[in-house]
Amino acid sequence: MRTPGPEMAPGAARLVVAVAAGPAHELLRREAADFHQVPTRAIVLEHDCGRCGSSEHGRPRILPSPSVRVPASVSLARSGDVSVVAVTDAGDVGVDAELLDAAEFPGFDDVVLGVGEMDDHALDRTRVWVRTEALLKACGTGLSLDPREIAIDDHGRVTSTVAGLPASVRLLDLELLGRAVSVVVVAAERVDDLSVEVRTSDA
């Protein structure tokens, strides 16, 4: 099922989010190929670890090629047998997904929630987690940063004691196939006309 975003203006930035059962890298290649309008074989992925520089792990990226001269930014997440990917030309992207009640366990608050969040009993803790993970993926740091030092509000404003993180991001919160999904786009400039398309398949 495809959920189109607003009518695309010429040159408008795009974001595609896809969720399906099955391997994440296969889904990412398919969606990236569709995004770039090239055959799947033209999408060559490698990884980029911000901590050690390895290409064997870390956030995925599309290698430039004659077919894909300016690759989109990509991200992927897995939750059980469900994979979620994000593809965009708006800026660096991160996506994360968890079962809706994934954060309901003792000790979660102590390792994730920051000052000001601990006493909020109405807080959706799973949503806090996937937003934070998505931001850290988009920034290329992963969990090398302490999630307790970071918070993202409903408007994409970032509160952090960590230097170098953006003050605001484009945030998209979704609920897909029983998962809380958050997508964060870090753009050099404000993106107001982002065209968003969400694709779901439980096959």
N, C-alpha and C. Protein backbone atom coordinates (compact mmCIF):
# COMPACT_ATOMS: atom_id res chain seq x y z
N MET A 1 0.84 -1.18 0.00
CA MET A 1 0.00 0.00 0.00
C MET A 1 0.88 1.24 0.00
N ARG A 2 0.55 2.20 -0.84
CA ARG A 2 1.33 3.42 -0.91
C ARG A 2 0.50 4.59 -0.41
N THR A 3 1.11 5.40 0.44
CA THR A 3 0.45 6.60 0.92
C THR A 3 1.23 7.78 0.38
N PRO A 4 0.73 8.44 -0.66
CA PRO A 4 1.49 9.54 -1.26
C PRO A 4 1.48 10.75 -0.36
N GLY A 5 2.51 11.56 -0.49
CA GLY A 5 2.57 12.83 0.21
C GLY A 5 1.94 13.91 -0.64
N PRO A 6 2.22 15.19 -0.32
CA PRO A 6 1.65 16.28 -1.09
C PRO A 6 2.16 16.28 -2.52
N GLU A 7 1.43 16.93 -3.40
CA GLU A 7 1.83 17.04 -4.80
C GLU A 7 3.24 17.61 -4.87
N MET A 8 4.11 16.96 -5.60
CA MET A 8 5.50 17.38 -5.65
C MET A 8 5.66 18.60 -6.53
N ALA A 9 6.31 19.64 -6.01
CA ALA A 9 6.69 20.78 -6.80
C ALA A 9 7.98 20.45 -7.53
N PRO A 10 8.24 21.10 -8.66
CA PRO A 10 9.49 20.85 -9.38
C PRO A 10 10.69 21.11 -8.47
N GLY A 11 11.58 20.13 -8.39
CA GLY A 11 12.77 20.29 -7.57
C GLY A 11 12.55 20.08 -6.09
N ALA A 12 11.34 19.69 -5.68
CA ALA A 12 11.06 19.49 -4.27
C ALA A 12 11.83 18.29 -3.74
N ALA A 13 12.25 18.39 -2.49
CA ALA A 13 12.92 17.27 -1.86
C ALA A 13 11.91 16.16 -1.59
N ARG A 14 12.40 14.91 -1.60
CA ARG A 14 11.53 13.74 -1.43
C ARG A 14 12.01 12.89 -0.27
N LEU A 15 11.06 12.24 0.37
CA LEU A 15 11.35 11.24 1.40
C LEU A 15 10.42 10.06 1.18
N VAL A 16 11.01 8.88 1.04
CA VAL A 16 10.24 7.64 0.93
C VAL A 16 10.56 6.78 2.14
N VAL A 17 9.52 6.31 2.81
CA VAL A 17 9.65 5.39 3.93
C VAL A 17 8.92 4.11 3.55
N ALA A 18 9.60 2.98 3.65
CA ALA A 18 9.00 1.70 3.27
C ALA A 18 9.18 0.70 4.39
N VAL A 19 8.13 -0.07 4.64
CA VAL A 19 8.19 -1.11 5.67
C VAL A 19 7.63 -2.39 5.09
N ALA A 20 8.30 -3.51 5.37
CA ALA A 20 7.88 -4.81 4.84
C ALA A 20 8.55 -5.91 5.63
N ALA A 21 7.97 -7.08 5.60
CA ALA A 21 8.62 -8.26 6.16
C ALA A 21 9.75 -8.67 5.23
N GLY A 22 10.85 -9.12 5.81
CA GLY A 22 11.96 -9.59 4.98
C GLY A 22 13.24 -8.83 5.25
N PRO A 23 14.31 -9.19 4.52
CA PRO A 23 15.63 -8.61 4.75
C PRO A 23 15.66 -7.10 4.46
N ALA A 24 16.33 -6.36 5.35
CA ALA A 24 16.35 -4.90 5.24
C ALA A 24 17.15 -4.42 4.03
N HIS A 25 18.28 -5.06 3.76
CA HIS A 25 19.12 -4.58 2.65
C HIS A 25 18.44 -4.78 1.30
N GLU A 26 17.69 -5.87 1.15
CA GLU A 26 16.96 -6.08 -0.10
C GLU A 26 15.90 -5.01 -0.29
N LEU A 27 15.17 -4.71 0.78
CA LEU A 27 14.16 -3.66 0.72
C LEU A 27 14.80 -2.31 0.40
N LEU A 28 15.94 -2.04 1.02
CA LEU A 28 16.61 -0.77 0.78
C LEU A 28 17.06 -0.65 -0.67
N ARG A 29 17.63 -1.71 -1.23
CA ARG A 29 18.05 -1.65 -2.63
C ARG A 29 16.86 -1.41 -3.56
N ARG A 30 15.75 -2.10 -3.30
CA ARG A 30 14.57 -1.92 -4.15
C ARG A 30 14.06 -0.48 -4.09
N GLU A 31 13.95 0.04 -2.88
CA GLU A 31 13.41 1.40 -2.73
C GLU A 31 14.37 2.45 -3.27
N ALA A 32 15.66 2.25 -3.08
CA ALA A 32 16.65 3.19 -3.62
C ALA A 32 16.65 3.16 -5.14
N ALA A 33 16.51 1.96 -5.72
CA ALA A 33 16.45 1.86 -7.18
C ALA A 33 15.22 2.57 -7.73
N ASP A 34 14.09 2.39 -7.06
CA ASP A 34 12.87 3.07 -7.48
C ASP A 34 13.02 4.58 -7.33
N PHE A 35 13.63 5.01 -6.25
CA PHE A 35 13.83 6.44 -6.00
C PHE A 35 14.65 7.07 -7.12
N HIS A 36 15.71 6.37 -7.53
CA HIS A 36 16.62 6.90 -8.55
C HIS A 36 16.21 6.51 -9.98
N GLN A 37 15.15 5.67 -10.09
CA GLN A 37 14.69 5.21 -11.39
C GLN A 37 15.80 4.49 -12.16
N VAL A 38 16.44 3.55 -11.47
CA VAL A 38 17.49 2.74 -12.07
C VAL A 38 17.23 1.28 -11.72
N PRO A 39 17.85 0.33 -12.41
CA PRO A 39 17.71 -1.08 -12.02
C PRO A 39 18.31 -1.32 -10.64
N THR A 40 17.80 -2.33 -9.95
CA THR A 40 18.29 -2.64 -8.61
C THR A 40 19.79 -2.92 -8.62
N ARG A 41 20.29 -3.54 -9.68
CA ARG A 41 21.72 -3.87 -9.74
C ARG A 41 22.60 -2.62 -9.77
N ALA A 42 22.02 -1.46 -10.09
CA ALA A 42 22.79 -0.21 -10.12
C ALA A 42 23.00 0.38 -8.72
N ILE A 43 22.29 -0.16 -7.72
CA ILE A 43 22.43 0.33 -6.36
C ILE A 43 23.49 -0.50 -5.64
N VAL A 44 24.61 0.12 -5.34
CA VAL A 44 25.69 -0.54 -4.61
C VAL A 44 25.78 0.09 -3.23
N LEU A 45 25.59 -0.74 -2.21
CA LEU A 45 25.59 -0.26 -0.84
C LEU A 45 26.89 -0.62 -0.14
N GLU A 46 27.34 0.27 0.71
CA GLU A 46 28.39 -0.07 1.66
C GLU A 46 28.02 0.60 2.98
N HIS A 47 28.80 0.32 4.01
CA HIS A 47 28.53 0.91 5.32
C HIS A 47 29.66 1.86 5.70
N ASP A 48 29.32 2.77 6.59
CA ASP A 48 30.28 3.79 7.01
C ASP A 48 30.18 3.95 8.52
N CYS A 49 31.17 3.45 9.23
CA CYS A 49 31.17 3.54 10.68
C CYS A 49 31.84 4.84 11.11
N GLY A 50 31.07 5.69 11.79
CA GLY A 50 31.61 6.96 12.24
C GLY A 50 32.64 6.84 13.34
N ARG A 51 32.70 5.67 13.99
CA ARG A 51 33.64 5.50 15.10
C ARG A 51 34.99 4.95 14.64
N CYS A 52 34.95 3.90 13.80
CA CYS A 52 36.22 3.27 13.43
C CYS A 52 36.55 3.40 11.94
N GLY A 53 35.63 3.93 11.15
CA GLY A 53 35.88 4.12 9.73
C GLY A 53 35.67 2.88 8.88
N SER A 54 35.20 1.79 9.48
CA SER A 54 35.01 0.55 8.74
C SER A 54 33.87 0.70 7.72
N SER A 55 34.01 -0.02 6.60
CA SER A 55 32.94 -0.07 5.60
C SER A 55 32.12 -1.36 5.75
N GLU A 56 32.39 -2.12 6.81
CA GLU A 56 31.69 -3.38 7.03
C GLU A 56 30.46 -3.22 7.92
N HIS A 57 30.40 -2.13 8.67
CA HIS A 57 29.25 -1.89 9.54
C HIS A 57 29.06 -0.38 9.67
N GLY A 58 28.03 0.00 10.40
CA GLY A 58 27.71 1.43 10.50
C GLY A 58 26.56 1.77 9.57
N ARG A 59 26.30 3.07 9.39
CA ARG A 59 25.15 3.45 8.59
C ARG A 59 25.38 3.15 7.11
N PRO A 60 24.35 2.72 6.42
CA PRO A 60 24.50 2.39 5.00
C PRO A 60 24.57 3.63 4.13
N ARG A 61 25.22 3.51 3.00
CA ARG A 61 25.21 4.58 2.02
C ARG A 61 25.31 3.99 0.62
N ILE A 62 24.78 4.72 -0.33
CA ILE A 62 24.83 4.30 -1.74
C ILE A 62 26.10 4.86 -2.36
N LEU A 63 26.86 4.02 -3.01
CA LEU A 63 28.07 4.49 -3.68
C LEU A 63 27.71 5.21 -4.97
N PRO A 64 28.36 6.35 -5.24
CA PRO A 64 28.13 7.03 -6.53
C PRO A 64 28.56 6.15 -7.69
N SER A 65 27.88 6.30 -8.81
CA SER A 65 28.19 5.52 -10.01
C SER A 65 27.70 6.31 -11.21
N PRO A 66 28.04 5.88 -12.43
CA PRO A 66 27.51 6.58 -13.60
C PRO A 66 25.99 6.62 -13.64
N SER A 67 25.34 5.61 -13.06
CA SER A 67 23.87 5.57 -13.04
C SER A 67 23.29 6.43 -11.92
N VAL A 68 24.03 6.53 -10.82
CA VAL A 68 23.55 7.28 -9.63
C VAL A 68 24.67 8.24 -9.23
N ARG A 69 24.68 9.39 -9.87
CA ARG A 69 25.79 10.33 -9.66
C ARG A 69 25.70 11.04 -8.31
N VAL A 70 24.49 11.36 -7.88
CA VAL A 70 24.28 12.02 -6.58
C VAL A 70 23.34 11.13 -5.76
N PRO A 71 23.89 10.18 -5.03
CA PRO A 71 23.04 9.22 -4.32
C PRO A 71 22.20 9.87 -3.22
N ALA A 72 21.02 9.33 -3.04
CA ALA A 72 20.17 9.74 -1.92
C ALA A 72 20.79 9.26 -0.61
N SER A 73 20.37 9.89 0.47
CA SER A 73 20.74 9.42 1.80
C SER A 73 19.77 8.31 2.20
N VAL A 74 20.31 7.28 2.85
CA VAL A 74 19.47 6.12 3.19
C VAL A 74 19.71 5.70 4.64
N SER A 75 18.72 5.00 5.19
CA SER A 75 18.84 4.43 6.52
C SER A 75 17.95 3.21 6.60
N LEU A 76 18.25 2.32 7.52
CA LEU A 76 17.43 1.12 7.70
C LEU A 76 17.33 0.74 9.16
N ALA A 77 16.28 0.01 9.47
CA ALA A 77 16.07 -0.51 10.82
C ALA A 77 15.37 -1.85 10.73
N ARG A 78 15.56 -2.66 11.76
CA ARG A 78 14.90 -3.96 11.82
C ARG A 78 14.18 -4.07 13.16
N SER A 79 13.01 -4.67 13.11
CA SER A 79 12.26 -4.95 14.33
C SER A 79 11.61 -6.31 14.17
N GLY A 80 12.23 -7.33 14.76
CA GLY A 80 11.77 -8.69 14.52
C GLY A 80 11.96 -9.04 13.05
N ASP A 81 10.90 -9.53 12.40
CA ASP A 81 11.00 -9.89 10.99
C ASP A 81 10.58 -8.74 10.07
N VAL A 82 10.39 -7.56 10.64
CA VAL A 82 9.97 -6.40 9.86
C VAL A 82 11.16 -5.47 9.64
N SER A 83 11.30 -4.98 8.40
CA SER A 83 12.35 -4.04 8.05
C SER A 83 11.72 -2.71 7.66
N VAL A 84 12.41 -1.64 8.00
CA VAL A 84 11.97 -0.29 7.64
C VAL A 84 13.16 0.43 7.02
N VAL A 85 12.92 1.12 5.90
CA VAL A 85 13.98 1.89 5.26
C VAL A 85 13.48 3.29 4.96
N ALA A 86 14.42 4.22 4.87
CA ALA A 86 14.12 5.59 4.49
C ALA A 86 15.11 6.01 3.42
N VAL A 87 14.60 6.71 2.41
CA VAL A 87 15.42 7.20 1.29
C VAL A 87 15.03 8.64 1.03
N THR A 88 16.00 9.54 0.97
CA THR A 88 15.67 10.95 0.75
C THR A 88 16.82 11.69 0.08
N ASP A 89 16.46 12.77 -0.61
CA ASP A 89 17.46 13.68 -1.16
C ASP A 89 17.44 15.01 -0.42
N ALA A 90 16.82 15.03 0.77
CA ALA A 90 16.70 16.27 1.54
C ALA A 90 17.87 16.51 2.48
N GLY A 91 18.61 15.47 2.82
CA GLY A 91 19.71 15.59 3.78
C GLY A 91 19.97 14.25 4.42
N ASP A 92 20.85 14.22 5.40
CA ASP A 92 21.15 12.96 6.09
C ASP A 92 19.90 12.45 6.81
N VAL A 93 19.69 11.14 6.74
CA VAL A 93 18.45 10.56 7.28
C VAL A 93 18.76 9.41 8.24
N GLY A 94 17.90 9.26 9.21
CA GLY A 94 17.97 8.12 10.12
C GLY A 94 16.57 7.61 10.38
N VAL A 95 16.42 6.29 10.51
CA VAL A 95 15.11 5.70 10.81
C VAL A 95 15.29 4.64 11.88
N ASP A 96 14.31 4.54 12.76
CA ASP A 96 14.32 3.47 13.75
C ASP A 96 12.90 2.97 13.97
N ALA A 97 12.77 1.73 14.39
CA ALA A 97 11.46 1.10 14.59
C ALA A 97 11.53 0.13 15.75
N GLU A 98 10.49 0.13 16.56
CA GLU A 98 10.38 -0.82 17.66
C GLU A 98 8.91 -1.19 17.84
N LEU A 99 8.66 -2.38 18.39
CA LEU A 99 7.30 -2.74 18.77
C LEU A 99 6.74 -1.68 19.71
N LEU A 100 5.45 -1.46 19.65
CA LEU A 100 4.83 -0.34 20.35
C LEU A 100 5.09 -0.34 21.84
N ASP A 101 5.25 -1.51 22.45
CA ASP A 101 5.47 -1.58 23.90
C ASP A 101 6.91 -1.96 24.24
N ALA A 102 7.82 -1.74 23.32
CA ALA A 102 9.19 -2.22 23.50
C ALA A 102 9.90 -1.59 24.70
N ALA A 103 9.50 -0.38 25.08
CA ALA A 103 10.19 0.32 26.17
C ALA A 103 9.57 0.04 27.53
N GLU A 104 8.58 -0.83 27.58
CA GLU A 104 7.89 -1.09 28.85
C GLU A 104 8.62 -2.18 29.63
N PHE A 105 9.77 -1.83 30.15
CA PHE A 105 10.49 -2.79 30.99
C PHE A 105 11.26 -2.02 32.07
N PRO A 106 11.48 -2.64 33.23
CA PRO A 106 12.17 -1.96 34.32
C PRO A 106 13.58 -1.54 33.90
N GLY A 107 13.95 -0.32 34.29
CA GLY A 107 15.29 0.16 34.01
C GLY A 107 15.40 1.01 32.75
N PHE A 108 14.36 1.00 31.90
CA PHE A 108 14.44 1.76 30.66
C PHE A 108 14.70 3.24 30.93
N ASP A 109 13.94 3.80 31.86
CA ASP A 109 14.05 5.24 32.13
C ASP A 109 15.48 5.64 32.50
N ASP A 110 16.16 4.78 33.24
CA ASP A 110 17.49 5.12 33.74
C ASP A 110 18.55 5.19 32.65
N VAL A 111 18.32 4.52 31.53
CA VAL A 111 19.34 4.48 30.48
C VAL A 111 18.99 5.33 29.26
N VAL A 112 17.75 5.83 29.18
CA VAL A 112 17.34 6.57 27.99
C VAL A 112 16.83 7.97 28.30
N LEU A 113 15.99 8.10 29.32
CA LEU A 113 15.34 9.39 29.56
C LEU A 113 16.29 10.39 30.19
N GLY A 114 16.17 11.64 29.73
CA GLY A 114 17.00 12.70 30.26
C GLY A 114 16.27 13.51 31.32
N VAL A 115 16.95 14.52 31.80
CA VAL A 115 16.37 15.41 32.79
C VAL A 115 15.15 16.09 32.18
N GLY A 116 14.05 16.11 32.91
CA GLY A 116 12.82 16.70 32.41
C GLY A 116 11.88 15.67 31.83
N GLU A 117 12.40 14.49 31.48
CA GLU A 117 11.55 13.43 30.93
C GLU A 117 11.20 12.38 31.98
N MET A 118 12.05 12.24 32.97
CA MET A 118 11.89 11.17 33.96
C MET A 118 10.54 11.22 34.68
N ASP A 119 10.06 12.44 34.95
CA ASP A 119 8.84 12.59 35.75
C ASP A 119 7.57 12.68 34.90
N ASP A 120 7.71 12.55 33.59
CA ASP A 120 6.56 12.66 32.70
C ASP A 120 5.95 11.26 32.52
N HIS A 121 4.94 10.96 33.31
CA HIS A 121 4.35 9.61 33.29
C HIS A 121 3.53 9.35 32.02
N ALA A 122 3.15 10.43 31.33
CA ALA A 122 2.37 10.27 30.10
C ALA A 122 3.26 10.11 28.87
N LEU A 123 4.57 10.17 29.07
CA LEU A 123 5.51 10.10 27.96
C LEU A 123 5.45 8.74 27.27
N ASP A 124 5.42 8.75 25.94
CA ASP A 124 5.48 7.52 25.16
C ASP A 124 6.95 7.12 25.08
N ARG A 125 7.36 6.20 25.93
CA ARG A 125 8.78 5.88 26.05
C ARG A 125 9.34 5.20 24.81
N THR A 126 8.55 4.39 24.16
CA THR A 126 9.03 3.77 22.91
C THR A 126 9.25 4.84 21.86
N ARG A 127 8.37 5.83 21.79
CA ARG A 127 8.54 6.91 20.82
C ARG A 127 9.80 7.72 21.12
N VAL A 128 10.06 7.97 22.40
CA VAL A 128 11.30 8.66 22.78
C VAL A 128 12.51 7.89 22.27
N TRP A 129 12.47 6.57 22.42
CA TRP A 129 13.61 5.74 22.03
C TRP A 129 13.83 5.77 20.52
N VAL A 130 12.78 5.57 19.72
CA VAL A 130 12.98 5.51 18.27
C VAL A 130 13.36 6.88 17.71
N ARG A 131 12.84 7.94 18.30
CA ARG A 131 13.26 9.28 17.86
C ARG A 131 14.75 9.49 18.11
N THR A 132 15.19 9.11 19.29
CA THR A 132 16.60 9.30 19.64
C THR A 132 17.50 8.47 18.74
N GLU A 133 17.15 7.21 18.54
CA GLU A 133 17.94 6.33 17.66
C GLU A 133 17.98 6.88 16.24
N ALA A 134 16.84 7.36 15.74
CA ALA A 134 16.80 7.90 14.39
C ALA A 134 17.71 9.11 14.26
N LEU A 135 17.71 9.98 15.27
CA LEU A 135 18.59 11.15 15.24
C LEU A 135 20.05 10.74 15.23
N LEU A 136 20.42 9.81 16.10
CA LEU A 136 21.81 9.39 16.18
C LEU A 136 22.27 8.70 14.90
N LYS A 137 21.36 7.97 14.25
CA LYS A 137 21.70 7.37 12.95
C LYS A 137 21.91 8.45 11.90
N ALA A 138 21.02 9.44 11.88
CA ALA A 138 21.13 10.52 10.89
C ALA A 138 22.44 11.29 11.06
N CYS A 139 22.87 11.45 12.30
CA CYS A 139 24.10 12.19 12.58
C CYS A 139 25.35 11.32 12.45
N GLY A 140 25.15 10.01 12.28
CA GLY A 140 26.28 9.12 12.06
C GLY A 140 27.02 8.72 13.31
N THR A 141 26.45 8.98 14.49
CA THR A 141 27.15 8.67 15.73
C THR A 141 26.73 7.34 16.33
N GLY A 142 25.49 6.91 16.06
CA GLY A 142 24.98 5.72 16.71
C GLY A 142 24.97 5.92 18.21
N LEU A 143 25.00 4.83 18.94
CA LEU A 143 24.91 4.91 20.39
C LEU A 143 26.24 5.19 21.07
N SER A 144 27.19 5.78 20.32
CA SER A 144 28.41 6.26 20.97
C SER A 144 28.09 7.47 21.85
N LEU A 145 26.94 8.10 21.62
CA LEU A 145 26.47 9.19 22.46
C LEU A 145 25.46 8.66 23.47
N ASP A 146 25.43 9.27 24.62
CA ASP A 146 24.52 8.86 25.68
C ASP A 146 23.12 9.37 25.37
N PRO A 147 22.14 8.48 25.16
CA PRO A 147 20.79 8.93 24.81
C PRO A 147 20.13 9.78 25.89
N ARG A 148 20.62 9.71 27.13
CA ARG A 148 20.05 10.53 28.20
C ARG A 148 20.37 12.01 28.02
N GLU A 149 21.32 12.32 27.14
CA GLU A 149 21.71 13.71 26.92
C GLU A 149 20.97 14.34 25.74
N ILE A 150 19.99 13.62 25.19
CA ILE A 150 19.33 14.07 23.96
C ILE A 150 17.83 13.94 24.10
N ALA A 151 17.10 14.94 23.64
CA ALA A 151 15.64 14.86 23.59
C ALA A 151 15.16 15.56 22.33
N ILE A 152 14.10 15.02 21.72
CA ILE A 152 13.49 15.62 20.53
C ILE A 152 12.01 15.80 20.82
N ASP A 153 11.51 17.02 20.64
CA ASP A 153 10.10 17.23 20.91
C ASP A 153 9.27 16.97 19.65
N ASP A 154 7.96 17.14 19.76
CA ASP A 154 7.05 16.80 18.66
C ASP A 154 7.29 17.65 17.41
N HIS A 155 7.96 18.78 17.57
CA HIS A 155 8.20 19.69 16.44
C HIS A 155 9.59 19.53 15.84
N GLY A 156 10.34 18.54 16.31
CA GLY A 156 11.67 18.30 15.78
C GLY A 156 12.75 19.16 16.41
N ARG A 157 12.43 19.86 17.50
CA ARG A 157 13.45 20.64 18.19
C ARG A 157 14.28 19.70 19.07
N VAL A 158 15.59 19.86 18.98
CA VAL A 158 16.52 18.99 19.67
C VAL A 158 17.10 19.71 20.88
N THR A 159 17.01 19.07 22.04
CA THR A 159 17.66 19.57 23.25
C THR A 159 18.77 18.60 23.60
N SER A 160 19.99 19.12 23.74
CA SER A 160 21.11 18.22 23.98
C SER A 160 22.24 18.94 24.67
N THR A 161 23.00 18.19 25.47
CA THR A 161 24.23 18.70 26.06
C THR A 161 25.43 18.32 25.21
N VAL A 162 25.19 17.69 24.06
CA VAL A 162 26.27 17.21 23.20
C VAL A 162 26.54 18.24 22.11
N ALA A 163 27.78 18.65 21.97
CA ALA A 163 28.15 19.61 20.93
C ALA A 163 28.05 18.98 19.55
N GLY A 164 27.64 19.77 18.59
CA GLY A 164 27.64 19.33 17.20
C GLY A 164 26.34 18.76 16.70
N LEU A 165 25.37 18.50 17.58
CA LEU A 165 24.08 18.00 17.12
C LEU A 165 23.24 19.17 16.61
N PRO A 166 22.36 18.92 15.64
CA PRO A 166 21.53 20.00 15.11
C PRO A 166 20.54 20.49 16.16
N ALA A 167 20.15 21.76 16.04
CA ALA A 167 19.17 22.33 16.97
C ALA A 167 17.75 21.91 16.61
N SER A 168 17.54 21.58 15.34
CA SER A 168 16.22 21.13 14.91
C SER A 168 16.38 20.21 13.71
N VAL A 169 15.39 19.33 13.53
CA VAL A 169 15.41 18.37 12.44
C VAL A 169 14.00 18.27 11.87
N ARG A 170 13.90 17.66 10.69
CA ARG A 170 12.58 17.29 10.17
C ARG A 170 12.23 15.93 10.74
N LEU A 171 11.14 15.86 11.49
CA LEU A 171 10.75 14.64 12.20
C LEU A 171 9.45 14.09 11.64
N LEU A 172 9.43 12.79 11.41
CA LEU A 172 8.22 12.11 10.97
C LEU A 172 8.00 10.91 11.89
N ASP A 173 6.88 10.91 12.63
CA ASP A 173 6.50 9.80 13.48
C ASP A 173 5.39 9.00 12.81
N LEU A 174 5.55 7.67 12.77
CA LEU A 174 4.58 6.79 12.11
C LEU A 174 4.29 5.59 13.01
N GLU A 175 3.19 4.93 12.73
CA GLU A 175 2.89 3.63 13.34
C GLU A 175 2.58 2.68 12.20
N LEU A 176 3.47 1.70 11.98
CA LEU A 176 3.38 0.82 10.82
C LEU A 176 3.58 -0.63 11.24
N LEU A 177 2.67 -1.50 10.84
CA LEU A 177 2.77 -2.93 11.13
C LEU A 177 3.06 -3.18 12.61
N GLY A 178 2.36 -2.45 13.49
CA GLY A 178 2.51 -2.65 14.92
C GLY A 178 3.80 -2.11 15.49
N ARG A 179 4.47 -1.25 14.74
CA ARG A 179 5.74 -0.67 15.19
C ARG A 179 5.64 0.84 15.30
N ALA A 180 6.31 1.38 16.29
CA ALA A 180 6.54 2.82 16.34
C ALA A 180 7.75 3.09 15.47
N VAL A 181 7.58 3.95 14.48
CA VAL A 181 8.64 4.29 13.53
C VAL A 181 8.88 5.79 13.59
N SER A 182 10.13 6.19 13.67
CA SER A 182 10.47 7.61 13.58
C SER A 182 11.56 7.80 12.53
N VAL A 183 11.39 8.86 11.76
CA VAL A 183 12.37 9.23 10.74
C VAL A 183 12.85 10.64 11.04
N VAL A 184 14.15 10.84 11.01
CA VAL A 184 14.75 12.15 11.23
C VAL A 184 15.57 12.52 10.00
N VAL A 185 15.33 13.71 9.48
CA VAL A 185 16.12 14.25 8.36
C VAL A 185 16.87 15.47 8.86
N VAL A 186 18.18 15.44 8.71
CA VAL A 186 19.03 16.57 9.07
C VAL A 186 19.42 17.27 7.78
N ALA A 187 18.88 18.44 7.57
CA ALA A 187 19.10 19.17 6.33
C ALA A 187 19.91 20.43 6.59
N ALA A 188 20.73 20.81 5.61
CA ALA A 188 21.52 22.03 5.75
C ALA A 188 20.62 23.26 5.82
N GLU A 189 19.49 23.20 5.14
CA GLU A 189 18.53 24.29 5.16
C GLU A 189 17.17 23.73 5.54
N ARG A 190 16.29 24.62 6.00
CA ARG A 190 14.95 24.19 6.39
C ARG A 190 14.23 23.61 5.18
N VAL A 191 13.58 22.47 5.36
CA VAL A 191 12.87 21.80 4.28
C VAL A 191 11.36 21.91 4.57
N ASP A 192 10.70 22.82 3.88
CA ASP A 192 9.27 23.02 4.10
C ASP A 192 8.40 22.26 3.10
N ASP A 193 8.96 21.99 1.92
CA ASP A 193 8.15 21.38 0.87
C ASP A 193 8.54 19.93 0.63
N LEU A 194 8.91 19.23 1.69
CA LEU A 194 9.32 17.84 1.57
C LEU A 194 8.13 16.98 1.17
N SER A 195 8.28 16.25 0.08
CA SER A 195 7.25 15.33 -0.38
C SER A 195 7.49 13.97 0.27
N VAL A 196 6.49 13.48 1.03
CA VAL A 196 6.64 12.25 1.80
C VAL A 196 5.75 11.15 1.22
N GLU A 197 6.34 9.97 1.02
CA GLU A 197 5.57 8.81 0.59
C GLU A 197 5.87 7.64 1.51
N VAL A 198 4.82 7.00 2.01
CA VAL A 198 4.98 5.86 2.91
C VAL A 198 4.45 4.62 2.21
N ARG A 199 5.25 3.57 2.19
CA ARG A 199 4.88 2.33 1.51
C ARG A 199 4.91 1.18 2.51
N THR A 200 3.83 0.45 2.59
CA THR A 200 3.74 -0.66 3.53
C THR A 200 3.35 -1.95 2.82
N SER A 201 3.91 -3.04 3.31
CA SER A 201 3.56 -4.35 2.82
C SER A 201 3.78 -5.35 3.93
N ASP A 202 2.75 -6.17 4.24
CA ASP A 202 2.94 -7.20 5.27
C ASP A 202 3.19 -8.57 4.65
N ALA A 203 3.43 -8.55 3.35
CA ALA A 203 3.70 -9.83 2.65
C ALA A 203 5.12 -10.28 2.90
